[in-house]
Amino acid sequence: MFPRLPLHFKSKIEIPSHPALAWLLAQKPWIVPIPGTTKLHRLEENIGAVNIQLTPDDLREINTAASKITVQGARYPEKLEQMTGR
């Protein structure tokens, strides 16, 4: 989705994971992203996303760009999906 981000927003990006984490943090106060990592320096990088302040215009532009993306495929392969209890 990076190519679709507004240019003024791209200037706020220091780490590739920051836009997604900042967007999640901006959704609701009780949403807490849990990025998976096994390296301390990656965790410290991810924590930096809390310093990105998205404006209402940023959020609107990101949501507009995301709404134009066609999601394809299933979340899990069929065998794993059967194990989710659905």
PDB file of N, CA and C in Angstrom:
ATOM      1  N   MET A   1       0.810  -1.174   0.000  1.00  0.00           N
ATOM      2  CA  MET A   1       0.000   0.000   0.000  1.00  0.00           C
ATOM      3  C   MET A   1       0.869   1.259   0.000  1.00  0.00           C
ATOM      4  N   PHE A   2       2.151   1.143   0.247  1.00  0.00           N
ATOM      5  CA  PHE A   2       3.004   2.327   0.301  1.00  0.00           C
ATOM      6  C   PHE A   2       2.898   3.220  -0.931  1.00  0.00           C
ATOM      7  N   PRO A   3       2.851   2.669  -2.157  1.00  0.00           N
ATOM      8  CA  PRO A   3       2.780   3.569  -3.304  1.00  0.00           C
ATOM      9  C   PRO A   3       1.518   4.434  -3.294  1.00  0.00           C
ATOM     10  N   ARG A   4       0.471   4.031  -2.609  1.00  0.00           N
ATOM     11  CA  ARG A   4      -0.771   4.781  -2.587  1.00  0.00           C
ATOM     12  C   ARG A   4      -0.834   5.793  -1.446  1.00  0.00           C
ATOM     13  N   LEU A   5       0.128   5.792  -0.564  1.00  0.00           N
ATOM     14  CA  LEU A   5       0.100   6.747   0.541  1.00  0.00           C
ATOM     15  C   LEU A   5       0.386   8.152   0.024  1.00  0.00           C
ATOM     16  N   PRO A   6      -0.290   9.139   0.563  1.00  0.00           N
ATOM     17  CA  PRO A   6      -0.041  10.523   0.149  1.00  0.00           C
ATOM     18  C   PRO A   6       1.408  10.929   0.411  1.00  0.00           C
ATOM     19  N   LEU A   7       1.954  11.759  -0.452  1.00  0.00           N
ATOM     20  CA  LEU A   7       3.354  12.165  -0.314  1.00  0.00           C
ATOM     21  C   LEU A   7       3.641  12.823   1.021  1.00  0.00           C
ATOM     22  N   HIS A   8       2.739  13.671   1.513  1.00  0.00           N
ATOM     23  CA  HIS A   8       3.009  14.338   2.790  1.00  0.00           C
ATOM     24  C   HIS A   8       3.043  13.333   3.939  1.00  0.00           C
ATOM     25  N   PHE A   9       2.339  12.217   3.787  1.00  0.00           N
ATOM     26  CA  PHE A   9       2.356  11.190   4.818  1.00  0.00           C
ATOM     27  C   PHE A   9       3.648  10.390   4.755  1.00  0.00           C
ATOM     28  N   LYS A  10       4.147  10.132   3.544  1.00  0.00           N
ATOM     29  CA  LYS A  10       5.382   9.357   3.400  1.00  0.00           C
ATOM     30  C   LYS A  10       6.548  10.015   4.135  1.00  0.00           C
ATOM     31  N   SER A  11       6.522  11.332   4.258  1.00  0.00           N
ATOM     32  CA  SER A  11       7.607  12.021   4.953  1.00  0.00           C
ATOM     33  C   SER A  11       7.618  11.700   6.451  1.00  0.00           C
ATOM     34  N   LYS A  12       6.506  11.187   6.990  1.00  0.00           N
ATOM     35  CA  LYS A  12       6.427  10.831   8.410  1.00  0.00           C
ATOM     36  C   LYS A  12       6.979   9.430   8.684  1.00  0.00           C
ATOM     37  N   ILE A  13       7.246   8.677   7.629  1.00  0.00           N
ATOM     38  CA  ILE A  13       7.640   7.276   7.772  1.00  0.00           C
ATOM     39  C   ILE A  13       9.136   7.150   8.000  1.00  0.00           C
ATOM     40  N   GLU A  14       9.504   6.519   9.099  1.00  0.00           N
ATOM     41  CA  GLU A  14      10.902   6.229   9.368  1.00  0.00           C
ATOM     42  C   GLU A  14      11.180   4.737   9.202  1.00  0.00           C
ATOM     43  N   ILE A  15      10.225   3.933   9.606  1.00  0.00           N
ATOM     44  CA  ILE A  15      10.358   2.482   9.602  1.00  0.00           C
ATOM     45  C   ILE A  15       9.176   1.912   8.810  1.00  0.00           C
ATOM     46  N   PRO A  16       9.400   0.925   7.946  1.00  0.00           N
ATOM     47  CA  PRO A  16       8.309   0.408   7.113  1.00  0.00           C
ATOM     48  C   PRO A  16       7.063  -0.053   7.874  1.00  0.00           C
ATOM     49  N   SER A  17       7.201  -0.542   9.077  1.00  0.00           N
ATOM     50  CA  SER A  17       6.035  -1.023   9.833  1.00  0.00           C
ATOM     51  C   SER A  17       5.226   0.116  10.458  1.00  0.00           C
ATOM     52  N   HIS A  18       5.794   1.306  10.536  1.00  0.00           N
ATOM     53  CA  HIS A  18       5.139   2.417  11.233  1.00  0.00           C
ATOM     54  C   HIS A  18       3.772   2.810  10.684  1.00  0.00           C
ATOM     55  N   PRO A  19       3.578   2.921   9.365  1.00  0.00           N
ATOM     56  CA  PRO A  19       2.249   3.341   8.905  1.00  0.00           C
ATOM     57  C   PRO A  19       1.124   2.421   9.372  1.00  0.00           C
ATOM     58  N   ALA A  20       1.332   1.122   9.259  1.00  0.00           N
ATOM     59  CA  ALA A  20       0.286   0.181   9.666  1.00  0.00           C
ATOM     60  C   ALA A  20       0.050   0.247  11.173  1.00  0.00           C
ATOM     61  N   LEU A  21       1.119   0.319  11.942  1.00  0.00           N
ATOM     62  CA  LEU A  21       0.969   0.379  13.395  1.00  0.00           C
ATOM     63  C   LEU A  21       0.325   1.691  13.831  1.00  0.00           C
ATOM     64  N   ALA A  22       0.740   2.797  13.223  1.00  0.00           N
ATOM     65  CA  ALA A  22       0.147   4.100  13.566  1.00  0.00           C
ATOM     66  C   ALA A  22      -1.334   4.129  13.197  1.00  0.00           C
ATOM     67  N   TRP A  23      -1.683   3.542  12.049  1.00  0.00           N
ATOM     68  CA  TRP A  23      -3.081   3.495  11.634  1.00  0.00           C
ATOM     69  C   TRP A  23      -3.906   2.686  12.638  1.00  0.00           C
ATOM     70  N   LEU A  24      -3.382   1.526  13.048  1.00  0.00           N
ATOM     71  CA  LEU A  24      -4.095   0.717  14.049  1.00  0.00           C
ATOM     72  C   LEU A  24      -4.268   1.485  15.355  1.00  0.00           C
ATOM     73  N   LEU A  25      -3.224   2.134  15.808  1.00  0.00           N
ATOM     74  CA  LEU A  25      -3.295   2.898  17.055  1.00  0.00           C
ATOM     75  C   LEU A  25      -4.324   4.027  16.971  1.00  0.00           C
ATOM     76  N   ALA A  26      -4.522   4.562  15.783  1.00  0.00           N
ATOM     77  CA  ALA A  26      -5.450   5.686  15.604  1.00  0.00           C
ATOM     78  C   ALA A  26      -6.909   5.245  15.513  1.00  0.00           C
ATOM     79  N   GLN A  27      -7.175   3.953  15.395  1.00  0.00           N
ATOM     80  CA  GLN A  27      -8.542   3.491  15.186  1.00  0.00           C
ATOM     81  C   GLN A  27      -9.414   3.654  16.432  1.00  0.00           C
ATOM     82  N   LYS A  28      -9.012   3.075  17.510  1.00  0.00           N
ATOM     83  CA  LYS A  28      -9.754   3.122  18.778  1.00  0.00           C
ATOM     84  C   LYS A  28      -8.737   3.071  19.913  1.00  0.00           C
ATOM     85  N   PRO A  29      -9.036   3.680  21.058  1.00  0.00           N
ATOM     86  CA  PRO A  29      -8.053   3.677  22.149  1.00  0.00           C
ATOM     87  C   PRO A  29      -7.798   2.291  22.736  1.00  0.00           C
ATOM     88  N   TRP A  30      -8.703   1.364  22.530  1.00  0.00           N
ATOM     89  CA  TRP A  30      -8.514   0.026  23.101  1.00  0.00           C
ATOM     90  C   TRP A  30      -7.861  -0.951  22.123  1.00  0.00           C
ATOM     91  N   ILE A  31      -7.560  -0.502  20.910  1.00  0.00           N
ATOM     92  CA  ILE A  31      -6.866  -1.366  19.949  1.00  0.00           C
ATOM     93  C   ILE A  31      -5.369  -1.242  20.182  1.00  0.00           C
ATOM     94  N   VAL A  32      -4.736  -2.360  20.445  1.00  0.00           N
ATOM     95  CA  VAL A  32      -3.296  -2.380  20.683  1.00  0.00           C
ATOM     96  C   VAL A  32      -2.678  -3.384  19.715  1.00  0.00           C
ATOM     97  N   PRO A  33      -1.936  -2.903  18.721  1.00  0.00           N
ATOM     98  CA  PRO A  33      -1.300  -3.838  17.795  1.00  0.00           C
ATOM     99  C   PRO A  33      -0.223  -4.646  18.504  1.00  0.00           C
ATOM    100  N   ILE A  34      -0.113  -5.895  18.117  1.00  0.00           N
ATOM    101  CA  ILE A  34       0.910  -6.766  18.688  1.00  0.00           C
ATOM    102  C   ILE A  34       1.750  -7.314  17.534  1.00  0.00           C
ATOM    103  N   PRO A  35       2.757  -6.545  17.107  1.00  0.00           N
ATOM    104  CA  PRO A  35       3.592  -7.038  16.001  1.00  0.00           C
ATOM    105  C   PRO A  35       4.495  -8.162  16.492  1.00  0.00           C
ATOM    106  N   GLY A  36       4.601  -9.197  15.705  1.00  0.00           N
ATOM    107  CA  GLY A  36       5.452 -10.320  16.085  1.00  0.00           C
ATOM    108  C   GLY A  36       6.901 -10.046  15.738  1.00  0.00           C
ATOM    109  N   THR A  37       7.781 -10.335  16.647  1.00  0.00           N
ATOM    110  CA  THR A  37       9.212 -10.197  16.398  1.00  0.00           C
ATOM    111  C   THR A  37       9.968 -11.052  17.409  1.00  0.00           C
ATOM    112  N   THR A  38      11.159 -11.428  17.023  1.00  0.00           N
ATOM    113  CA  THR A  38      12.026 -12.156  17.954  1.00  0.00           C
ATOM    114  C   THR A  38      13.272 -11.338  18.289  1.00  0.00           C
ATOM    115  N   LYS A  39      13.335 -10.131  17.728  1.00  0.00           N
ATOM    116  CA  LYS A  39      14.520  -9.299  17.926  1.00  0.00           C
ATOM    117  C   LYS A  39      14.165  -8.017  18.686  1.00  0.00           C
ATOM    118  N   LEU A  40      14.924  -7.736  19.717  1.00  0.00           N
ATOM    119  CA  LEU A  40      14.674  -6.564  20.547  1.00  0.00           C
ATOM    120  C   LEU A  40      14.731  -5.272  19.743  1.00  0.00           C
ATOM    121  N   HIS A  41      15.676  -5.156  18.826  1.00  0.00           N
ATOM    122  CA  HIS A  41      15.792  -3.907  18.058  1.00  0.00           C
ATOM    123  C   HIS A  41      14.571  -3.690  17.165  1.00  0.00           C
ATOM    124  N   ARG A  42      13.941  -4.762  16.691  1.00  0.00           N
ATOM    125  CA  ARG A  42      12.710  -4.614  15.898  1.00  0.00           C
ATOM    126  C   ARG A  42      11.557  -4.156  16.790  1.00  0.00           C
ATOM    127  N   LEU A  43      11.491  -4.676  17.999  1.00  0.00           N
ATOM    128  CA  LEU A  43      10.467  -4.240  18.947  1.00  0.00           C
ATOM    129  C   LEU A  43      10.628  -2.744  19.223  1.00  0.00           C
ATOM    130  N   GLU A  44      11.868  -2.311  19.454  1.00  0.00           N
ATOM    131  CA  GLU A  44      12.120  -0.900  19.713  1.00  0.00           C
ATOM    132  C   GLU A  44      11.741  -0.038  18.504  1.00  0.00           C
ATOM    133  N   GLU A  45      12.015  -0.528  17.296  1.00  0.00           N
ATOM    134  CA  GLU A  45      11.604   0.191  16.086  1.00  0.00           C
ATOM    135  C   GLU A  45      10.079   0.313  16.034  1.00  0.00           C
ATOM    136  N   ASN A  46       9.385  -0.788  16.280  1.00  0.00           N
ATOM    137  CA  ASN A  46       7.923  -0.795  16.215  1.00  0.00           C
ATOM    138  C   ASN A  46       7.300   0.156  17.238  1.00  0.00           C
ATOM    139  N   ILE A  47       7.900   0.233  18.407  1.00  0.00           N
ATOM    140  CA  ILE A  47       7.392   1.131  19.451  1.00  0.00           C
ATOM    141  C   ILE A  47       7.418   2.576  18.969  1.00  0.00           C
ATOM    142  N   GLY A  48       8.333   2.896  18.076  1.00  0.00           N
ATOM    143  CA  GLY A  48       8.433   4.245  17.539  1.00  0.00           C
ATOM    144  C   GLY A  48       7.185   4.706  16.806  1.00  0.00           C
ATOM    145  N   ALA A  49       6.315   3.789  16.424  1.00  0.00           N
ATOM    146  CA  ALA A  49       5.082   4.158  15.717  1.00  0.00           C
ATOM    147  C   ALA A  49       4.161   5.004  16.591  1.00  0.00           C
ATOM    148  N   VAL A  50       4.307   4.932  17.902  1.00  0.00           N
ATOM    149  CA  VAL A  50       3.459   5.756  18.774  1.00  0.00           C
ATOM    150  C   VAL A  50       3.767   7.241  18.608  1.00  0.00           C
ATOM    151  N   ASN A  51       4.911   7.565  18.037  1.00  0.00           N
ATOM    152  CA  ASN A  51       5.287   8.967  17.834  1.00  0.00           C
ATOM    153  C   ASN A  51       4.721   9.559  16.550  1.00  0.00           C
ATOM    154  N   ILE A  52       4.078   8.749  15.735  1.00  0.00           N
ATOM    155  CA  ILE A  52       3.485   9.249  14.499  1.00  0.00           C
ATOM    156  C   ILE A  52       2.067   9.705  14.799  1.00  0.00           C
ATOM    157  N   GLN A  53       1.819  10.962  14.620  1.00  0.00           N
ATOM    158  CA  GLN A  53       0.491  11.527  14.843  1.00  0.00           C
ATOM    159  C   GLN A  53      -0.209  11.677  13.498  1.00  0.00           C
ATOM    160  N   LEU A  54      -1.223  10.863  13.281  1.00  0.00           N
ATOM    161  CA  LEU A  54      -1.982  10.936  12.042  1.00  0.00           C
ATOM    162  C   LEU A  54      -3.112  11.941  12.203  1.00  0.00           C
ATOM    163  N   THR A  55      -3.249  12.805  11.231  1.00  0.00           N
ATOM    164  CA  THR A  55      -4.333  13.774  11.254  1.00  0.00           C
ATOM    165  C   THR A  55      -5.600  13.119  10.720  1.00  0.00           C
ATOM    166  N   PRO A  56      -6.749  13.722  10.949  1.00  0.00           N
ATOM    167  CA  PRO A  56      -7.980  13.185  10.339  1.00  0.00           C
ATOM    168  C   PRO A  56      -7.863  13.093   8.812  1.00  0.00           C
ATOM    169  N   ASP A  57      -7.186  14.048   8.191  1.00  0.00           N
ATOM    170  CA  ASP A  57      -6.979  13.984   6.738  1.00  0.00           C
ATOM    171  C   ASP A  57      -6.097  12.799   6.354  1.00  0.00           C
ATOM    172  N   ASP A  58      -5.028  12.542   7.147  1.00  0.00           N
ATOM    173  CA  ASP A  58      -4.174  11.374   6.896  1.00  0.00           C
ATOM    174  C   ASP A  58      -5.015  10.102   6.939  1.00  0.00           C
ATOM    175  N   LEU A  59      -5.810   9.961   7.995  1.00  0.00           N
ATOM    176  CA  LEU A  59      -6.625   8.759   8.153  1.00  0.00           C
ATOM    177  C   LEU A  59      -7.619   8.606   7.013  1.00  0.00           C
ATOM    178  N   ARG A  60      -8.228   9.699   6.621  1.00  0.00           N
ATOM    179  CA  ARG A  60      -9.196   9.661   5.520  1.00  0.00           C
ATOM    180  C   ARG A  60      -8.507   9.221   4.227  1.00  0.00           C
ATOM    181  N   GLU A  61      -7.331   9.781   3.952  1.00  0.00           N
ATOM    182  CA  GLU A  61      -6.607   9.426   2.728  1.00  0.00           C
ATOM    183  C   GLU A  61      -6.135   7.969   2.743  1.00  0.00           C
ATOM    184  N   ILE A  62      -5.667   7.505   3.897  1.00  0.00           N
ATOM    185  CA  ILE A  62      -5.241   6.100   4.008  1.00  0.00           C
ATOM    186  C   ILE A  62      -6.440   5.179   3.822  1.00  0.00           C
ATOM    187  N   ASN A  63      -7.562   5.495   4.472  1.00  0.00           N
ATOM    188  CA  ASN A  63      -8.754   4.662   4.345  1.00  0.00           C
ATOM    189  C   ASN A  63      -9.279   4.654   2.913  1.00  0.00           C
ATOM    190  N   THR A  64      -9.202   5.788   2.232  1.00  0.00           N
ATOM    191  CA  THR A  64      -9.628   5.846   0.828  1.00  0.00           C
ATOM    192  C   THR A  64      -8.729   4.966  -0.032  1.00  0.00           C
ATOM    193  N   ALA A  65      -7.419   5.066   0.184  1.00  0.00           N
ATOM    194  CA  ALA A  65      -6.480   4.237  -0.582  1.00  0.00           C
ATOM    195  C   ALA A  65      -6.702   2.758  -0.291  1.00  0.00           C
ATOM    196  N   ALA A  66      -6.911   2.417   0.973  1.00  0.00           N
ATOM    197  CA  ALA A  66      -7.121   1.014   1.348  1.00  0.00           C
ATOM    198  C   ALA A  66      -8.412   0.467   0.763  1.00  0.00           C
ATOM    199  N   SER A  67      -9.430   1.312   0.642  1.00  0.00           N
ATOM    200  CA  SER A  67     -10.711   0.837   0.117  1.00  0.00           C
ATOM    201  C   SER A  67     -10.632   0.487  -1.369  1.00  0.00           C
ATOM    202  N   LYS A  68      -9.583   0.934  -2.044  1.00  0.00           N
ATOM    203  CA  LYS A  68      -9.411   0.643  -3.465  1.00  0.00           C
ATOM    204  C   LYS A  68      -8.616  -0.641  -3.708  1.00  0.00           C
ATOM    205  N   ILE A  69      -8.155  -1.261  -2.648  1.00  0.00           N
ATOM    206  CA  ILE A  69      -7.373  -2.495  -2.764  1.00  0.00           C
ATOM    207  C   ILE A  69      -8.332  -3.679  -2.730  1.00  0.00           C
ATOM    208  N   THR A  70      -8.213  -4.554  -3.702  1.00  0.00           N
ATOM    209  CA  THR A  70      -9.033  -5.753  -3.742  1.00  0.00           C
ATOM    210  C   THR A  70      -8.307  -6.863  -2.979  1.00  0.00           C
ATOM    211  N   VAL A  71      -8.921  -7.325  -1.920  1.00  0.00           N
ATOM    212  CA  VAL A  71      -8.343  -8.413  -1.132  1.00  0.00           C
ATOM    213  C   VAL A  71      -8.642  -9.725  -1.854  1.00  0.00           C
ATOM    214  N   GLN A  72      -7.622 -10.521  -2.023  1.00  0.00           N
ATOM    215  CA  GLN A  72      -7.780 -11.778  -2.735  1.00  0.00           C
ATOM    216  C   GLN A  72      -7.306 -12.928  -1.872  1.00  0.00           C
ATOM    217  N   GLY A  73      -7.968 -14.045  -2.019  1.00  0.00           N
ATOM    218  CA  GLY A  73      -7.547 -15.249  -1.314  1.00  0.00           C
ATOM    219  C   GLY A  73      -8.137 -15.344   0.077  1.00  0.00           C
ATOM    220  N   ALA A  74      -7.976 -16.499   0.648  1.00  0.00           N
ATOM    221  CA  ALA A  74      -8.485 -16.769   1.984  1.00  0.00           C
ATOM    222  C   ALA A  74      -7.455 -16.341   3.031  1.00  0.00           C
ATOM    223  N   ARG A  75      -7.922 -16.192   4.242  1.00  0.00           N
ATOM    224  CA  ARG A  75      -7.016 -15.817   5.323  1.00  0.00           C
ATOM    225  C   ARG A  75      -6.039 -16.945   5.625  1.00  0.00           C
ATOM    226  N   TYR A  76      -6.546 -18.169   5.631  1.00  0.00           N
ATOM    227  CA  TYR A  76      -5.732 -19.348   5.913  1.00  0.00           C
ATOM    228  C   TYR A  76      -5.905 -20.362   4.786  1.00  0.00           C
ATOM    229  N   PRO A  77      -4.926 -21.251   4.618  1.00  0.00           N
ATOM    230  CA  PRO A  77      -5.162 -22.390   3.725  1.00  0.00           C
ATOM    231  C   PRO A  77      -6.349 -23.202   4.266  1.00  0.00           C
ATOM    232  N   GLU A  78      -7.036 -23.908   3.397  1.00  0.00           N
ATOM    233  CA  GLU A  78      -8.260 -24.603   3.784  1.00  0.00           C
ATOM    234  C   GLU A  78      -8.076 -25.517   4.990  1.00  0.00           C
ATOM    235  N   LYS A  79      -6.991 -26.268   5.063  1.00  0.00           N
ATOM    236  CA  LYS A  79      -6.767 -27.194   6.195  1.00  0.00           C
ATOM    237  C   LYS A  79      -6.681 -26.426   7.520  1.00  0.00           C
ATOM    238  N   LEU A  80      -5.997 -25.288   7.525  1.00  0.00           N
ATOM    239  CA  LEU A  80      -5.908 -24.496   8.752  1.00  0.00           C
ATOM    240  C   LEU A  80      -7.244 -23.854   9.094  1.00  0.00           C
ATOM    241  N   GLU A  81      -7.965 -23.420   8.098  1.00  0.00           N
ATOM    242  CA  GLU A  81      -9.275 -22.796   8.323  1.00  0.00           C
ATOM    243  C   GLU A  81     -10.205 -23.765   9.039  1.00  0.00           C
ATOM    244  N   GLN A  82     -10.122 -25.032   8.713  1.00  0.00           N
ATOM    245  CA  GLN A  82     -10.962 -26.047   9.355  1.00  0.00           C
ATOM    246  C   GLN A  82     -10.637 -26.183  10.835  1.00  0.00           C
ATOM    247  N   MET A  83      -9.439 -25.808  11.221  1.00  0.00           N
ATOM    248  CA  MET A  83      -9.027 -25.921  12.620  1.00  0.00           C
ATOM    249  C   MET A  83      -9.444 -24.706  13.453  1.00  0.00           C
ATOM    250  N   THR A  84      -9.985 -23.673  12.818  1.00  0.00           N
ATOM    251  CA  THR A  84     -10.348 -22.459  13.559  1.00  0.00           C
ATOM    252  C   THR A  84     -11.713 -22.558  14.216  1.00  0.00           C
ATOM    253  N   GLY A  85     -12.432 -23.643  14.012  1.00  0.00           N
ATOM    254  CA  GLY A  85     -13.725 -23.832  14.681  1.00  0.00           C
ATOM    255  C   GLY A  85     -14.871 -23.146  13.989  1.00  0.00           C
ATOM    256  N   ARG A  86     -14.688 -22.759  12.754  1.00  0.00           N
ATOM    257  CA  ARG A  86     -15.793 -22.113  12.031  1.00  0.00           C
ATOM    258  C   ARG A  86     -16.674 -23.124  11.375  1.00  0.00           C
TER     259      ARG A  86
END
